[in-house]
Amino acid sequence: MARSKQSLKRHRTDVAKAKRNRSRIRAIRTAMKKARAAEDPEEKKKLIAKAQKLLDKAARKRLLHNNKAKRLKSSLMKKS
């Protein structure tokens, strides 16, 4: 790896971004799992809404591709 100031800063910011992105992706996965596993219909509805909100936000921020977010939301609704 190059040792210029720019490359070192770029590496630091890349590591921070990767950590933040990993956290957000895991939050989405957890929300989807909870929504699928919920038994109570009212609770399930709330959890699905939360998962959809997270998916939409991830697509807006380019964390997920827009079509993938739509596909995941669709599959979540089919299974509910």
Foldseek 3Di string as FASTA:
>chain_A
DDDDPVVVVVVVVVVVVVVVLVVLVVVLVVLLVCLLPDDDPVVNVVSLVVSLVSLVVCCVVVSDPPVVSVVSNVVSVVSD
